[in-house]
């Protein structure tokens, strides 16, 4: 059986959540200490106090292991409903910024490069991260249109690019401080809402 399929096999005893937690903690610690490129499965096993077999039963590769630790649940599984387009987009943008800024330096660019080199992992990334964003943004835009906040519904893929692109550029191309992200995201919200031609319903 291929390693990837073997890692997916869930036969036998149920997985021990304590082992899952120990592996996740070890991955986060080692990403901070040695970085994405130098982290190894052997180091994670030693730090977690488990055998390498326990890790390979859960994750076929280092890349899959880190991906699952950083995105343990479906990203933006539920579209925020804060009562207005601005508030909803602010909540989405905050999650996007956190998902990029919280991992140790170098983790996101390294993982993305490996994701795009692995078709199976790339498909999972599309479904779990990008797909969830598109579905969430579609729901938010449909809701805003129904409320009368939008005269024309923007393309969700274009809106997704407008939200993600500047945050990625800020952190990984321009190497600006994550501490300044709130100012960037505030300005980004203003720009995005202007581009969507927001047209609020008049107050009575």
Protein backbone atom coordinates (compact mmCIF):
# COMPACT_ATOMS: atom_id res chain seq x y z
CA UNK A 1 0.00 0.00 0.00
CA UNK A 2 1.43 3.45 -0.88
CA UNK A 3 2.60 5.52 2.08
CA UNK A 4 -0.07 8.17 1.49
CA UNK A 5 -2.87 5.58 1.49
CA UNK A 6 -1.36 3.84 4.50
CA UNK A 7 -1.38 7.11 6.40
CA UNK A 8 -5.07 7.52 5.56
CA UNK A 9 -5.98 4.06 6.91
CA UNK A 10 -8.04 4.35 10.06
CA UNK A 11 -8.34 0.61 10.85
CA UNK A 12 -7.58 -0.84 14.25
CA UNK A 13 -7.79 1.07 17.49
CA UNK A 14 -9.06 4.67 17.55
CA UNK A 15 -6.34 7.29 17.41
CA UNK A 16 -5.18 8.68 20.73
CA UNK A 17 -5.95 12.40 20.85
CA UNK A 18 -3.11 12.86 23.36
CA UNK A 19 -0.66 11.73 20.70
CA UNK A 20 -2.25 14.11 18.17
CA UNK A 21 -1.88 16.98 20.66
CA UNK A 22 1.75 16.07 21.44
CA UNK A 23 2.64 15.96 17.75
CA UNK A 24 0.92 19.30 17.08
CA UNK A 25 2.72 20.95 20.01
CA UNK A 26 6.06 19.54 18.86
CA UNK A 27 5.51 20.81 15.31
CA UNK A 28 4.69 24.34 16.52
CA UNK A 29 7.71 24.42 18.86
CA UNK A 30 10.13 23.14 16.22
CA UNK A 31 8.84 25.50 13.55
CA UNK A 32 9.77 28.34 15.89
CA UNK A 33 13.12 26.85 16.89
CA UNK A 34 14.53 25.38 13.66
CA UNK A 35 12.22 26.67 10.91
CA UNK A 36 10.18 24.99 8.22
CA UNK A 37 13.02 23.77 6.00
CA UNK A 38 15.02 22.11 8.80
CA UNK A 39 12.12 20.48 10.66
CA UNK A 40 12.11 16.67 10.35
CA UNK A 41 9.68 13.92 11.25
CA UNK A 42 12.35 12.37 13.51
CA UNK A 43 12.70 15.59 15.49
CA UNK A 44 8.94 15.85 15.88
CA UNK A 45 8.72 12.26 17.11
CA UNK A 46 11.48 12.83 19.64
CA UNK A 47 9.99 16.09 20.90
CA UNK A 48 6.49 14.59 21.11
CA UNK A 49 7.75 11.47 22.87
CA UNK A 50 6.24 9.10 20.30
CA UNK A 51 7.60 6.70 17.73
CA UNK A 52 7.91 7.75 14.10
CA UNK A 53 5.35 5.06 13.23
CA UNK A 54 2.74 6.99 15.22
CA UNK A 55 3.37 10.02 13.04
CA UNK A 56 3.32 8.08 9.77
CA UNK A 57 -0.01 6.54 10.72
CA UNK A 58 -1.36 10.08 10.75
CA UNK A 59 0.68 11.90 8.10
CA UNK A 60 2.43 10.50 5.03
CA UNK A 61 4.84 13.43 4.71
CA UNK A 62 6.27 16.31 6.68
CA UNK A 63 4.32 18.70 4.50
CA UNK A 64 1.01 16.98 5.25
CA UNK A 65 1.82 16.97 8.96
CA UNK A 66 2.53 20.71 9.07
CA UNK A 67 -0.51 21.46 6.89
CA UNK A 68 -2.82 19.57 9.26
CA UNK A 69 -1.31 21.21 12.34
CA UNK A 70 -1.65 24.73 10.95
CA UNK A 71 -5.13 24.11 9.50
CA UNK A 72 -6.65 21.50 11.82
CA UNK A 73 -10.23 22.38 10.90
CA UNK A 74 -11.90 23.65 7.76
CA UNK A 75 -10.87 27.27 7.29
CA UNK A 76 -13.74 29.76 7.58
CA UNK A 77 -16.20 26.87 7.77
CA UNK A 78 -19.03 29.21 8.77
CA UNK A 79 -19.52 32.56 7.07
CA UNK A 80 -19.55 35.35 9.70
CA UNK A 81 -22.82 37.25 9.97
CA UNK A 82 -22.10 40.53 11.77
CA UNK A 83 -24.97 42.53 10.27
CA UNK A 84 -23.17 44.43 7.52
CA UNK A 85 -20.87 43.81 4.57
CA UNK A 86 -18.04 45.76 6.22
CA UNK A 87 -18.28 43.80 9.48
CA UNK A 88 -18.49 40.46 7.67
CA UNK A 89 -15.48 41.23 5.46
CA UNK A 90 -13.55 42.52 8.47
CA UNK A 91 -14.07 39.16 10.22
CA UNK A 92 -12.94 37.25 7.13
CA UNK A 93 -9.91 39.47 6.67
CA UNK A 94 -8.91 39.02 10.31
CA UNK A 95 -8.92 35.23 9.88
CA UNK A 96 -6.94 35.46 6.66
CA UNK A 97 -4.35 37.73 8.28
CA UNK A 98 -4.04 35.49 11.34
CA UNK A 99 -3.61 32.36 9.20
CA UNK A 100 -0.62 33.99 7.51
CA UNK A 101 0.91 35.96 10.39
CA UNK A 102 0.70 33.47 13.26
CA UNK A 103 2.96 30.67 11.88
CA UNK A 104 6.70 31.23 12.46
CA UNK A 105 8.61 33.20 9.85
CA UNK A 106 9.25 31.28 6.64
CA UNK A 107 6.59 28.64 7.30
CA UNK A 108 3.85 29.89 4.97
CA UNK A 109 6.05 30.51 1.88
CA UNK A 110 7.83 27.16 2.35
CA UNK A 111 4.62 25.22 2.84
CA UNK A 112 2.92 26.90 -0.13
CA UNK A 113 5.84 25.97 -2.39
CA UNK A 114 5.57 22.34 -1.32
CA UNK A 115 1.78 22.34 -1.64
CA UNK A 116 2.00 23.47 -5.25
CA UNK A 117 4.55 20.72 -5.95
CA UNK A 118 2.25 17.96 -4.62
CA UNK A 119 -1.00 17.48 -6.60
CA UNK A 120 -2.74 15.58 -3.78
CA UNK A 121 -1.86 18.15 -1.13
CA UNK A 122 -2.71 20.95 -3.56
CA UNK A 123 -6.21 19.53 -4.02
CA UNK A 124 -6.69 19.38 -0.25
CA UNK A 125 -5.45 22.96 0.09
CA UNK A 126 -7.91 24.10 -2.56
CA UNK A 127 -10.79 22.42 -0.75
CA UNK A 128 -9.87 23.18 2.85
CA UNK A 129 -8.49 26.72 2.50
CA UNK A 130 -9.21 28.37 -0.84
CA UNK A 131 -12.52 26.62 -1.43
CA UNK A 132 -13.76 27.55 2.04
CA UNK A 133 -12.84 31.20 1.44
CA UNK A 134 -14.69 31.30 -1.89
CA UNK A 135 -17.83 29.73 -0.44
CA UNK A 136 -17.77 32.06 2.55
CA UNK A 137 -17.28 35.16 0.40
CA UNK A 138 -20.05 34.06 -1.95
CA UNK A 139 -22.45 33.72 0.99
CA UNK A 140 -21.42 37.13 2.37
CA UNK A 141 -21.89 38.82 -1.00
CA UNK A 142 -25.27 37.17 -1.57
CA UNK A 143 -26.40 38.28 1.89
CA UNK A 144 -25.17 41.85 1.30
CA UNK A 145 -26.98 41.96 -2.04
CA UNK A 146 -30.21 40.77 -0.40
CA UNK A 147 -29.84 43.49 2.26
CA UNK A 148 -29.47 46.13 -0.44
CA UNK A 149 -25.85 46.99 0.41
CA UNK A 150 -24.61 46.13 -3.08
CA UNK A 151 -25.92 47.33 -6.41
CA UNK A 152 -23.78 44.79 -8.29
CA UNK A 153 -22.47 41.55 -6.79
CA UNK A 154 -18.68 41.32 -7.27
CA UNK A 155 -16.97 38.15 -8.42
CA UNK A 156 -16.02 36.14 -5.27
CA UNK A 157 -12.71 35.04 -6.80
CA UNK A 158 -11.73 38.65 -7.50
CA UNK A 159 -12.73 39.70 -3.99
CA UNK A 160 -10.73 36.78 -2.59
CA UNK A 161 -7.63 38.00 -4.44
CA UNK A 162 -8.15 41.56 -3.20
CA UNK A 163 -8.26 40.34 0.41
CA UNK A 164 -5.47 37.77 0.33
CA UNK A 165 -2.97 39.35 -2.06
CA UNK A 166 -2.06 42.50 -0.10
CA UNK A 167 -1.69 40.59 3.18
CA UNK A 168 0.61 38.04 1.53
CA UNK A 169 2.65 40.80 -0.12
CA UNK A 170 2.91 42.75 3.14
CA UNK A 171 4.25 39.81 5.13
CA UNK A 172 6.31 37.82 2.63
CA UNK A 173 7.32 40.10 -0.22
CA UNK A 174 7.76 43.41 1.58
CA UNK A 175 8.76 41.79 4.91
CA UNK A 176 6.73 44.31 6.89
CA UNK A 177 5.92 43.72 10.55
CA UNK A 178 2.82 41.67 11.46
CA UNK A 179 2.27 44.26 14.21
CA UNK A 180 1.26 46.76 11.52
CA UNK A 181 -1.32 44.45 9.95
CA UNK A 182 -4.32 46.15 11.65
CA UNK A 183 -3.54 49.41 9.86
CA UNK A 184 -3.13 47.58 6.55
CA UNK A 185 -6.35 45.59 6.90
CA UNK A 186 -8.31 48.72 7.85
CA UNK A 187 -7.08 50.54 4.73
CA UNK A 188 -7.66 47.39 2.69
CA UNK A 189 -11.27 47.19 3.84
CA UNK A 190 -11.89 50.79 2.76
CA UNK A 191 -10.37 50.09 -0.66
CA UNK A 192 -12.26 46.83 -1.18
CA UNK A 193 -15.60 48.35 -0.21
CA UNK A 194 -15.00 51.27 -2.56
CA UNK A 195 -14.27 48.83 -5.39
CA UNK A 196 -17.45 46.86 -4.69
CA UNK A 197 -19.44 50.08 -5.17
CA UNK A 198 -21.11 49.74 -1.83
CA UNK A 199 -24.53 51.35 -1.83
CA UNK A 200 -26.13 51.16 1.61
CA UNK A 201 -29.89 51.35 1.97
CA UNK A 202 -30.82 54.88 3.18
CA UNK A 203 -31.58 55.22 6.88
CA UNK A 204 -35.21 55.94 7.82
